[in-house]
Protein backbone atom coordinates (compact mmCIF):
# COMPACT_ATOMS: atom_id res chain seq x y z
CA MET A 1 -22.51 50.24 -83.04
CA ILE A 2 -23.99 51.03 -79.62
CA CYS A 3 -21.69 51.15 -76.61
CA VAL A 4 -23.49 50.53 -73.31
CA TYR A 5 -22.08 51.21 -69.87
CA GLY A 6 -23.24 51.87 -66.35
CA HIS A 7 -21.87 52.21 -62.84
CA LYS A 8 -24.18 50.53 -60.36
CA LYS A 9 -22.90 46.98 -60.70
CA TYR A 10 -19.31 48.19 -60.34
CA TRP A 11 -19.86 50.32 -57.23
CA LYS A 12 -19.47 47.58 -54.63
CA PHE A 13 -16.45 46.09 -56.36
CA PHE A 14 -14.57 49.36 -56.72
CA ALA A 15 -15.57 50.60 -53.28
CA ALA A 16 -14.24 47.40 -51.76
CA PHE A 17 -11.10 47.54 -53.93
CA SER A 18 -10.41 51.12 -52.85
CA LEU A 19 -11.20 50.66 -49.17
CA PHE A 20 -9.32 47.44 -48.64
CA THR A 21 -6.18 48.09 -50.67
CA ILE A 22 -5.51 51.28 -48.78
CA GLY A 23 -3.04 50.79 -46.21
CA SER A 24 7.15 62.69 -60.12
CA LEU A 25 8.73 63.49 -62.19
CA ALA A 26 8.17 62.44 -65.82
CA TRP A 27 10.45 59.78 -67.25
CA PRO A 28 13.24 61.50 -69.19
CA GLN A 29 12.62 61.18 -72.91
CA GLU A 30 15.25 60.93 -75.62
CA GLY A 31 14.87 63.55 -78.32
CA THR A 32 11.85 65.81 -78.72
CA PRO A 33 8.60 64.64 -77.08
CA ASN A 34 5.66 64.09 -79.40
CA VAL A 35 3.32 67.00 -80.05
CA VAL A 36 0.71 65.84 -77.51
CA ILE A 37 3.33 65.91 -74.75
CA GLN A 38 4.58 69.31 -75.89
CA TRP A 39 1.09 70.78 -75.68
CA ASN A 40 0.45 69.04 -72.37
CA ASN A 41 3.53 70.74 -70.95
CA ALA A 42 2.37 74.07 -72.34
CA ALA A 43 -1.07 73.62 -70.75
CA LEU A 44 0.54 72.72 -67.42
CA GLN A 45 2.47 75.97 -67.56
CA GLY A 46 -0.84 77.71 -68.10
CA VAL A 47 -2.14 75.99 -64.98
CA ARG A 48 0.86 77.14 -62.92
CA ASP A 49 0.52 80.72 -64.06
CA SER A 50 -3.29 81.01 -63.86
CA LYS A 51 -3.74 80.04 -60.20
CA LEU A 52 -7.13 78.45 -60.92
CA GLY A 53 -8.81 76.21 -58.34
CA PRO A 54 -8.55 72.42 -58.61
CA PRO A 55 -11.89 71.73 -60.36
CA MET A 56 -11.23 74.55 -62.84
CA VAL A 57 -7.81 73.06 -63.57
CA SER A 58 -9.31 69.63 -64.19
CA ARG A 59 -11.83 71.12 -66.62
CA ALA A 60 -9.18 73.17 -68.43
CA LEU A 61 -6.89 70.19 -69.00
CA ALA A 62 -9.82 68.09 -70.15
CA ILE A 63 -10.79 70.75 -72.69
CA VAL A 64 -7.26 71.00 -74.07
CA HIS A 65 -6.99 67.24 -74.48
CA THR A 66 -10.53 66.90 -75.84
CA CYS A 67 -9.65 69.42 -78.54
CA ILE A 68 -6.46 67.46 -79.24
CA TYR A 69 -8.39 64.19 -79.39
CA ASP A 70 -11.13 65.58 -81.64
CA ALA A 71 -8.54 66.92 -84.09
CA TRP A 72 -6.65 63.61 -83.99
CA ALA A 73 -9.88 61.64 -84.55
CA ALA A 74 -10.28 63.26 -87.96
CA TYR A 75 -7.17 61.37 -89.09
CA ASP A 76 -8.21 58.01 -87.67
CA GLY A 77 -10.20 55.43 -89.59
CA ARG A 78 -13.06 55.06 -87.11
CA ALA A 79 -12.66 57.32 -84.05
CA LEU A 80 -15.52 59.74 -83.38
CA GLY A 81 -15.08 63.29 -82.16
CA THR A 82 -16.95 64.37 -79.05
CA GLN A 83 -18.88 67.19 -80.74
CA LEU A 84 -18.78 66.59 -84.50
CA GLY A 85 -18.68 62.79 -84.58
CA GLY A 86 -17.06 61.57 -87.78
CA SER A 87 -17.90 64.62 -89.89
CA LEU A 88 -14.27 65.78 -89.99
CA ARG A 89 -12.94 62.40 -91.15
CA GLN A 90 -10.09 62.91 -93.60
CA PRO A 91 -9.45 60.73 -96.64
CA LEU A 92 -6.88 57.98 -96.29
CA SER A 93 -4.34 59.92 -98.33
CA GLU A 94 -4.35 62.72 -95.73
CA ARG A 95 -3.88 60.51 -92.65
CA ASN A 96 -0.20 61.07 -92.03
CA LEU A 97 1.76 62.21 -88.98
CA THR A 98 2.52 65.66 -90.37
CA ASN A 99 -1.15 66.46 -90.83
CA LYS A 100 -2.10 64.97 -87.46
CA ASN A 101 0.54 67.05 -85.69
CA LYS A 102 -0.57 70.23 -87.39
CA ALA A 103 -4.27 69.72 -86.69
CA ILE A 104 -3.51 68.80 -83.07
CA SER A 105 -1.38 71.90 -82.62
CA PHE A 106 -4.05 74.26 -83.93
CA ALA A 107 -6.68 72.62 -81.74
CA ALA A 108 -4.46 72.72 -78.66
CA TYR A 109 -3.45 76.31 -79.31
CA ARG A 110 -7.05 77.54 -79.64
CA ALA A 111 -8.00 75.75 -76.42
CA ALA A 112 -4.98 76.90 -74.44
CA VAL A 113 -5.41 80.57 -75.39
CA ASP A 114 -9.12 80.41 -74.54
CA LEU A 115 -8.43 78.92 -71.10
CA PHE A 116 -5.14 80.61 -70.19
CA PRO A 117 -5.04 83.87 -72.19
CA GLY A 118 -2.27 85.32 -70.05
CA ASP A 119 0.22 82.79 -71.41
CA ASP A 120 -0.43 83.33 -75.12
CA ALA A 121 2.57 85.57 -75.80
CA THR A 122 4.99 83.76 -73.49
CA VAL A 123 4.09 80.08 -73.87
CA PHE A 124 1.55 79.13 -76.53
CA ARG A 125 2.43 81.40 -79.44
CA PRO A 126 6.16 80.63 -79.15
CA LEU A 127 5.38 76.90 -79.21
CA MET A 128 3.24 77.30 -82.32
CA GLU A 129 6.02 79.19 -84.04
CA GLN A 130 8.62 76.68 -82.89
CA LEU A 131 6.48 73.96 -84.48
CA GLY A 132 6.37 75.93 -87.73
CA HIS A 133 2.71 77.03 -87.57
CA ASP A 134 1.11 80.44 -87.98
CA PRO A 135 -1.01 81.26 -84.90
CA GLU A 136 -3.00 83.73 -87.00
CA ASP A 137 -4.21 80.98 -89.34
CA ARG A 138 -7.89 80.82 -88.43
CA SER A 139 -8.96 78.78 -91.41
CA THR A 140 -12.20 76.84 -91.18
CA ASP A 141 -11.45 74.85 -94.31
CA THR A 142 -11.77 71.29 -93.05
CA SER A 143 -9.84 69.89 -95.98
CA ILE A 144 -6.60 71.22 -94.48
CA PRO A 145 -5.06 70.44 -91.05
CA SER A 146 -5.26 73.96 -89.62
CA GLY A 147 -8.95 74.09 -90.50
CA VAL A 148 -9.57 70.69 -88.93
CA GLY A 149 -7.90 71.78 -85.69
CA ASN A 150 -9.66 75.13 -85.57
CA VAL A 151 -13.11 73.74 -86.32
CA ALA A 152 -12.76 70.75 -83.98
CA CYS A 153 -11.70 72.89 -81.04
CA ASP A 154 -14.23 75.64 -81.72
CA ALA A 155 -17.03 73.08 -81.39
CA VAL A 156 -15.65 71.93 -78.03
CA LEU A 157 -15.22 75.51 -76.78
CA GLN A 158 -18.73 76.52 -77.85
CA PHE A 159 -20.11 73.58 -75.88
CA ARG A 160 -17.97 74.14 -72.81
CA HIS A 161 -18.57 77.90 -72.67
CA HIS A 162 -22.13 77.00 -71.66
CA ASP A 163 -21.50 74.03 -69.37
CA GLY A 164 -22.29 75.72 -66.04
CA SER A 165 -18.66 76.45 -65.11
CA ASN A 166 -19.09 80.22 -65.63
CA GLN A 167 -15.73 80.39 -67.40
CA LEU A 168 -16.82 83.58 -69.15
CA GLY A 169 -18.24 85.20 -66.01
CA ASP A 170 -21.59 85.66 -67.72
CA LEU A 171 -23.66 83.71 -65.18
CA SER A 172 -22.75 85.64 -62.05
CA GLY A 173 -23.42 89.18 -63.20
CA ASN A 174 -20.02 90.46 -62.07
CA GLY A 175 -18.06 89.23 -65.06
CA VAL A 176 -15.59 87.30 -62.87
CA PRO A 177 -14.61 84.00 -64.51
CA TYR A 178 -15.68 80.91 -62.56
CA ALA A 179 -17.45 82.98 -59.87
CA ASP A 180 -20.23 81.35 -57.86
CA TYR A 181 -23.70 82.23 -59.13
CA THR A 182 -25.71 80.03 -56.75
CA GLY A 183 -25.70 82.23 -53.65
CA TYR A 184 -23.72 79.97 -51.31
CA GLN A 185 -23.20 81.43 -47.82
CA PRO A 186 -21.22 79.70 -45.04
CA VAL A 187 -22.98 78.92 -41.78
CA ASN A 188 -19.92 79.67 -39.66
CA SER A 189 -18.20 83.05 -39.39
CA PRO A 190 -14.62 83.38 -40.64
CA SER A 191 -11.84 82.76 -38.15
CA PRO A 192 -8.08 83.30 -38.01
CA VAL A 193 -5.79 80.27 -37.69
CA PRO A 194 -5.86 78.48 -35.25
CA SER A 195 -9.64 78.46 -35.49
CA ASP A 196 -11.46 80.19 -32.65
CA PRO A 197 -14.14 77.80 -31.30
CA ALA A 198 -16.25 80.80 -30.30
CA THR A 199 -16.84 81.54 -34.00
CA VAL A 200 -18.29 78.09 -34.70
CA VAL A 201 -22.07 77.98 -34.94
CA ASP A 202 -22.32 74.43 -36.33
CA VAL A 203 -19.26 72.20 -35.95
CA ASN A 204 -20.50 69.92 -38.72
CA ARG A 205 -20.25 72.69 -41.30
CA TRP A 206 -17.41 74.36 -43.19
CA GLN A 207 -15.79 77.50 -41.81
CA PRO A 208 -13.85 80.05 -43.90
CA LEU A 209 -10.38 80.83 -42.56
CA GLN A 210 -8.47 84.12 -42.47
CA TYR A 211 -4.71 84.50 -42.96
CA PHE A 212 -2.01 86.41 -44.83
CA ASP A 213 -1.05 84.71 -48.09
CA ALA A 214 2.40 84.52 -49.71
CA SER A 215 2.01 88.05 -51.12
CA HIS A 216 1.18 89.37 -47.60
CA THR A 217 -2.43 89.98 -48.66
CA PHE A 218 -5.05 89.39 -45.96
CA VAL A 219 -7.36 86.61 -47.16
CA THR A 220 -10.86 85.69 -46.04
CA GLN A 221 -11.74 82.46 -47.75
CA SER A 222 -14.77 81.98 -49.96
CA PHE A 223 -15.90 78.58 -51.24
CA VAL A 224 -13.95 78.00 -54.46
CA GLY A 225 -16.24 76.16 -56.85
CA ALA A 226 -19.45 76.43 -54.84
CA HIS A 227 -21.35 76.20 -58.14
CA TRP A 228 -19.37 73.29 -59.59
CA PHE A 229 -22.17 70.79 -58.96
CA LYS A 230 -23.92 72.44 -61.91
CA VAL A 231 -21.13 71.74 -64.42
CA LEU A 232 -21.94 69.27 -67.20
CA PRO A 233 -19.75 66.15 -66.82
CA PHE A 234 -18.05 64.11 -69.52
CA ALA A 235 -19.32 60.58 -68.80
CA LEU A 236 -21.55 61.00 -65.77
CA ARG A 237 -25.22 61.78 -66.24
CA SER A 238 -25.03 64.51 -63.60
CA GLY A 239 -22.77 65.71 -60.81
CA ASP A 240 -24.97 64.16 -58.11
CA GLU A 241 -25.08 60.72 -59.74
CA LEU A 242 -23.03 59.15 -56.94
CA ARG A 243 -24.17 61.35 -54.06
CA SER A 244 -26.39 58.70 -52.47
CA GLU A 245 -23.48 56.23 -52.35
CA LEU A 246 -21.29 58.91 -50.78
CA ALA A 247 -23.95 59.70 -48.19
CA GLY A 248 -23.65 56.12 -47.01
CA LEU A 249 -19.91 56.51 -46.41
CA GLY A 250 -19.86 59.81 -44.52
CA PRO A 251 -19.19 62.33 -43.29
CA PRO A 252 -19.46 61.42 -39.60
CA MET A 253 -21.45 63.94 -37.58
CA TYR A 254 -20.60 65.72 -34.33
CA GLY A 255 -21.54 63.63 -31.32
CA SER A 256 -20.85 60.32 -33.01
CA SER A 257 -17.96 58.08 -32.04
CA ALA A 258 -16.73 58.15 -35.64
CA PHE A 259 -16.47 61.97 -35.59
CA LEU A 260 -14.31 61.88 -32.46
CA GLU A 261 -12.24 58.93 -33.67
CA GLU A 262 -11.40 60.68 -36.94
CA ALA A 263 -10.25 63.78 -35.08
CA GLU A 264 -8.19 61.72 -32.63
CA GLU A 265 -6.55 59.90 -35.54
CA LEU A 266 -5.40 63.18 -37.09
CA VAL A 267 -4.06 64.46 -33.77
CA SER A 268 -2.13 61.22 -33.34
CA MET A 269 -0.80 61.45 -36.91
CA SER A 270 0.28 65.03 -36.27
CA ALA A 271 2.21 64.00 -33.16
CA GLN A 272 3.99 61.14 -34.91
CA LEU A 273 4.83 62.66 -38.30
CA THR A 274 8.02 61.26 -39.77
CA ASP A 275 10.16 63.13 -42.27
CA GLU A 276 8.85 60.85 -45.00
CA GLN A 277 5.23 61.53 -44.06
CA LYS A 278 5.88 65.27 -43.98
CA MET A 279 7.39 65.15 -47.45
CA ILE A 280 4.52 63.03 -48.75
CA ALA A 281 2.14 65.71 -47.46
CA GLU A 282 4.13 68.43 -49.19
CA TYR A 283 4.86 66.61 -52.44
CA PHE A 284 1.21 65.86 -53.17
CA ALA A 285 -0.17 69.15 -51.86
CA ASP A 286 -0.28 70.93 -55.22
CA GLY A 287 2.03 68.94 -57.49
CA PRO A 288 5.79 69.21 -58.00
CA HIS A 289 5.53 72.70 -59.52
CA SER A 290 2.01 73.86 -58.57
CA GLU A 291 0.13 71.89 -61.24
CA LEU A 292 -2.44 70.86 -58.58
CA PRO A 293 -3.59 67.22 -58.41
CA PRO A 294 -5.15 67.13 -61.92
CA GLY A 295 -1.93 68.37 -63.49
CA HIS A 296 0.15 66.05 -61.32
CA TRP A 297 -1.54 63.05 -62.93
CA ASP A 298 -0.73 64.50 -66.34
CA LEU A 299 2.93 64.36 -65.29
CA PHE A 300 2.49 60.75 -64.20
CA ALA A 301 0.95 60.04 -67.63
CA GLN A 302 4.01 61.57 -69.29
CA PHE A 303 6.11 59.02 -67.44
CA VAL A 304 3.87 56.27 -68.84
CA SER A 305 4.14 57.72 -72.33
CA ALA A 306 7.93 57.64 -72.21
CA ARG A 307 8.09 54.27 -70.44
CA ASP A 308 5.85 52.62 -73.04
CA HIS A 309 7.26 54.51 -76.05
CA HIS A 310 4.00 56.14 -77.03
CA GLY A 311 3.46 58.01 -80.24
CA VAL A 312 0.86 60.65 -81.02
CA ASP A 313 -1.94 58.09 -81.48
CA GLU A 314 -1.51 56.54 -78.05
CA ASP A 315 -1.09 59.84 -76.24
CA ALA A 316 -4.04 61.55 -77.93
CA LYS A 317 -6.25 58.76 -76.57
CA MET A 318 -4.60 58.29 -73.16
CA PHE A 319 -4.64 61.96 -72.17
CA PHE A 320 -8.19 62.35 -73.50
CA ALA A 321 -9.46 59.55 -71.24
CA LEU A 322 -7.30 60.57 -68.28
CA THR A 323 -8.14 64.26 -68.18
CA ASN A 324 -11.85 63.73 -68.69
CA ALA A 325 -11.93 61.16 -65.88
CA ILE A 326 -10.22 63.67 -63.61
CA PHE A 327 -12.62 66.38 -64.78
CA ASP A 328 -15.60 64.22 -63.81
CA ALA A 329 -13.87 63.38 -60.52
CA GLY A 330 -13.77 67.08 -59.72
CA ILE A 331 -17.49 67.45 -60.40
CA VAL A 332 -18.34 64.51 -58.14
CA ALA A 333 -16.06 65.74 -55.37
CA TRP A 334 -17.33 69.31 -55.51
CA ASP A 335 -20.94 68.16 -55.67
CA ALA A 336 -20.30 66.34 -52.39
CA LYS A 337 -18.49 69.34 -50.90
CA ARG A 338 -21.49 71.53 -51.67
CA ALA A 339 -24.11 68.96 -50.61
CA PHE A 340 -22.50 68.02 -47.28
CA ASP A 341 -20.76 71.36 -46.56
CA SER A 342 -18.57 69.47 -44.10
CA VAL A 343 -16.16 70.79 -41.51
CA ARG A 344 -12.40 70.79 -41.99
CA PRO A 345 -9.98 69.51 -39.32
CA ALA A 346 -8.67 73.07 -38.88
CA THR A 347 -12.04 73.96 -37.36
CA SER A 348 -13.25 70.77 -35.70
CA ILE A 349 -10.07 69.75 -33.87
CA PRO A 350 -9.62 73.05 -31.97
CA TYR A 351 -13.35 72.95 -31.22
CA LEU A 352 -13.28 69.38 -29.90
CA PHE A 353 -10.06 69.61 -27.89
CA GLN A 354 -10.20 73.16 -26.53
CA GLY A 355 -9.10 73.16 -22.87
CA GLN A 356 -7.51 69.71 -23.23
CA GLN A 357 -3.80 68.96 -23.40
CA ILE A 358 -2.83 67.16 -26.59
CA ARG A 359 0.41 66.16 -28.29
CA ALA A 360 0.77 67.39 -31.86
CA TRP A 361 3.07 69.10 -34.36
CA GLY A 362 3.76 72.54 -32.93
CA GLY A 363 4.66 74.50 -36.04
CA PRO A 364 7.72 74.91 -38.28
CA GLY A 365 10.86 73.70 -36.52
CA LYS A 366 9.02 72.88 -33.28
CA SER A 367 8.47 69.16 -33.84
CA THR A 368 5.92 67.58 -31.46
CA ILE A 369 4.85 69.56 -28.40
CA THR A 370 2.17 69.47 -25.71
CA MET A 371 -0.47 72.15 -26.30
CA ASP A 372 -4.02 73.17 -25.54
CA GLY A 373 -6.07 71.52 -28.28
CA ARG A 374 -7.51 74.95 -29.08
CA PHE A 375 -4.21 75.78 -30.83
CA TRP A 376 -3.92 72.74 -33.10
CA ILE A 377 -2.94 73.56 -36.68
CA PRO A 378 -2.47 71.40 -39.81
CA TYR A 379 0.98 70.55 -41.15
CA GLN A 380 0.78 73.28 -43.80
CA VAL A 381 2.45 76.56 -44.70
CA SER A 382 0.91 79.45 -42.76
CA THR A 383 0.22 81.29 -46.03
CA PHE A 384 -2.16 78.51 -47.14
CA PRO A 385 -3.29 76.65 -44.03
CA THR A 386 -6.27 74.78 -45.53
CA PRO A 387 -8.01 74.90 -48.93
CA ALA A 388 -11.02 77.18 -49.42
CA PHE A 389 -13.80 74.62 -49.66
CA PRO A 390 -15.48 71.99 -47.45
CA GLU A 391 -13.86 68.69 -46.47
CA TYR A 392 -15.99 65.75 -47.62
CA ILE A 393 -14.91 64.29 -49.98
CA SER A 394 -11.20 64.63 -50.66
CA GLY A 395 -10.48 66.08 -54.08
CA HIS A 396 -6.96 64.63 -53.99
CA SER A 397 -8.31 61.14 -53.34
CA THR A 398 -11.02 61.37 -55.98
CA PHE A 399 -8.81 62.90 -58.69
CA SER A 400 -6.04 60.39 -58.00
CA ALA A 401 -8.20 57.27 -57.89
CA ALA A 402 -9.85 58.28 -61.17
CA GLY A 403 -6.48 58.93 -62.76
CA ALA A 404 -5.02 55.65 -61.51
CA GLN A 405 -8.03 53.75 -62.82
CA VAL A 406 -7.69 55.15 -66.33
CA LEU A 407 -3.93 54.54 -66.51
CA LEU A 408 -4.46 50.98 -65.27
CA LEU A 409 -7.11 50.34 -67.92
CA PHE A 410 -5.19 52.03 -70.72
CA THR A 411 -1.95 50.16 -70.08
CA GLY A 412 -3.64 46.89 -69.11
CA SER A 413 -1.69 46.71 -65.85
CA ASP A 414 -1.47 48.46 -62.48
CA GLN A 415 2.35 48.53 -62.77
CA PHE A 416 3.77 52.05 -62.57
CA GLY A 417 7.41 52.28 -61.42
CA ASP A 418 7.82 56.05 -61.09
CA SER A 419 9.71 57.74 -58.25
CA VAL A 420 10.96 61.08 -57.01
CA THR A 421 13.79 61.95 -54.62
CA LEU A 422 13.27 64.95 -52.36
CA PRO A 423 16.59 66.46 -51.16
CA ALA A 424 17.49 67.02 -47.53
CA GLY A 425 16.13 70.31 -46.24
CA SER A 426 13.83 70.80 -49.24
CA SER A 427 10.63 71.23 -47.20
CA ASN A 428 8.60 74.36 -47.86
CA ILE A 429 7.12 74.18 -44.37
CA GLU A 430 10.37 73.46 -42.50
CA PRO A 431 13.06 74.64 -44.95
CA GLY A 432 16.58 73.55 -44.16
CA ILE A 433 15.31 71.17 -41.48
CA THR A 434 13.07 68.59 -43.14
CA PRO A 435 13.88 66.02 -44.31
CA ALA A 436 17.08 65.44 -42.39
CA ASN A 437 18.15 63.07 -45.18
CA PRO A 438 16.95 62.70 -48.77
CA VAL A 439 13.58 60.96 -49.11
CA THR A 440 12.68 58.85 -52.13
CA LEU A 441 9.02 58.20 -52.88
CA TYR A 442 8.47 55.19 -55.14
CA TRP A 443 5.18 53.91 -56.53
CA ASN A 444 5.20 50.33 -57.74
CA THR A 445 1.61 50.65 -58.96
CA PHE A 446 -0.80 53.38 -60.01
CA THR A 447 -2.91 52.36 -57.02
CA ASP A 448 0.07 52.96 -54.72
CA ALA A 449 0.43 56.49 -56.07
CA ALA A 450 -3.29 57.20 -55.72
CA ASN A 451 -3.42 55.84 -52.19
CA GLN A 452 -0.38 57.86 -51.17
CA ALA A 453 -1.95 60.99 -52.62
CA GLY A 454 -5.04 60.26 -50.53
CA ILE A 455 -3.29 59.68 -47.23
CA SER A 456 -1.02 62.67 -47.86
CA ARG A 457 -3.95 64.92 -47.00
CA ARG A 458 -4.38 63.22 -43.65
CA TYR A 459 -0.68 63.57 -42.90
CA GLY A 460 -1.12 67.25 -43.69
CA GLY A 461 -4.17 67.62 -41.43
CA ILE A 462 -6.41 68.56 -44.36
CA HIS A 463 -8.80 65.61 -44.58
CA PHE A 464 -10.38 62.99 -42.37
CA LYS A 465 -10.33 59.25 -43.07
CA ALA A 466 -13.91 59.09 -44.39
CA GLY A 467 -13.25 61.91 -46.85
CA ASP A 468 -10.11 60.17 -48.06
CA TYR A 469 -11.55 56.65 -48.33
CA ALA A 470 -14.82 57.74 -49.93
CA GLY A 471 -12.88 59.78 -52.47
CA ARG A 472 -10.73 56.78 -53.36
CA ALA A 473 -13.79 54.57 -53.76
CA VAL A 474 -15.86 56.94 -55.88
CA GLY A 475 -12.85 57.97 -57.95
CA ARG A 476 -12.54 54.40 -59.23
CA ILE A 477 -16.13 54.47 -60.45
CA VAL A 478 -15.68 57.82 -62.15
CA GLY A 479 -12.47 56.67 -63.80
CA TYR A 480 -14.12 53.52 -65.09
CA GLN A 481 -17.08 55.39 -66.57
CA ALA A 482 -14.87 57.95 -68.29
CA TRP A 483 -12.67 55.19 -69.66
CA ILE A 484 -15.65 53.36 -71.16
CA LYS A 485 -16.96 56.48 -72.88
CA ALA A 486 -13.51 57.44 -74.22
CA TRP A 487 -12.86 53.88 -75.41
CA CYS A 488 -16.20 53.75 -77.17
CA LEU A 489 -15.50 57.02 -78.97
CA TRP A 490 -12.11 56.03 -80.30
CA LYS A 491 -13.50 52.65 -81.34
CA GLY A 492 -16.16 54.46 -83.36
CA SER A 493 -19.09 53.55 -81.12
CA VAL A 494 -21.88 55.77 -79.81
CA LEU A 495 -23.37 55.95 -76.35
CA PRO A 496 -27.13 55.77 -75.79
């Protein structure tokens, strides 16, 4: 059976849907979560401890869940694995939950240790032992579950070790995992925060910032993921597949009315930030516990799993489609970041409004003040004032729209129903002050959650409107394409 898909005819629909509908904590489960959820939680802990950049996180989670899916597929009657097709298919007598769980655990363990080796002794090995499995079992006998899991994941890892991500550090010559090997150099010189307009050579282009991080280390930013446009996607043909569409949506250039209007909008937002908007900016910044946006959507998916009473079969498929959509979203977003190399608000707003009096947020505990525009800063912690990569397009918006699209398609409805309550004084930026009263964020639909994630970066002074809206629009396309490929695979179809 041939499964055919494409994106062009859906672009206008999804772009319109995203642009004109713009305006958590996982559900508590009774008993022990299924093995897919347990390994998802373990992988998220790996994310928290590894401190990888957003596109690297999206790839890592996709690899873990692809290994899980490929091991699971061996115990399904028609699903195809991503690397080995149906060659691991087990006889009907072997297709029971015990064998599925064991194969999934071995696959997830091999992937997690490969991606997050620092957490082997503290997270992954203890989980294997808790589940009753021997982490040292490296069998390649595909007639037994441990062999199925090991072989399935090894095929995925062998493929992904050579996908352009430089996970092994073998492409850059310095041995540093995920290091840039393409020779990117910023046009603008680094600047402390607030950005010094005198350091700006081209106000359309990205500028590295300098600051002291949370460990009191002096940081000069370098473009995280400058090479990510070279990474092989899951469902896209290439990372630049949607670049021409994105070029038609932005970014606005210096001297245009749109460039000035976007900057003025962020200044106005900064001056009028409510406690709720501040907490939205903080909540979505890097996830509830530093899982970053890709991991945050895995937490949202855990809510769906519990809400809809999923078992292993449903979750193996849902997380496979979700994480690969978000992985492709990262490639599209970082391709655009590299191609357009666009300026962040932290640079352009001080440049535009230097010598002018503006009203804006004045810093922690200062609320809104009148200042020289030269001293404008985002609503962010001083130890991480703005991410270390160009602005257009928003990763948050792209990741979130892709994730929302997959969850909508998997469940057959946009209904979500998750929420989180943020206690009074729980702000990291204004601790003890903001919010004055508890704030509850509630998302009736997946689209609501994705849109709030997108606008959160404008509340925080991190992204402009075009970067947000374009990310939402393209994320829908990416999510749809990943969904179609994943659906075809678990239905036993092949893609041309």
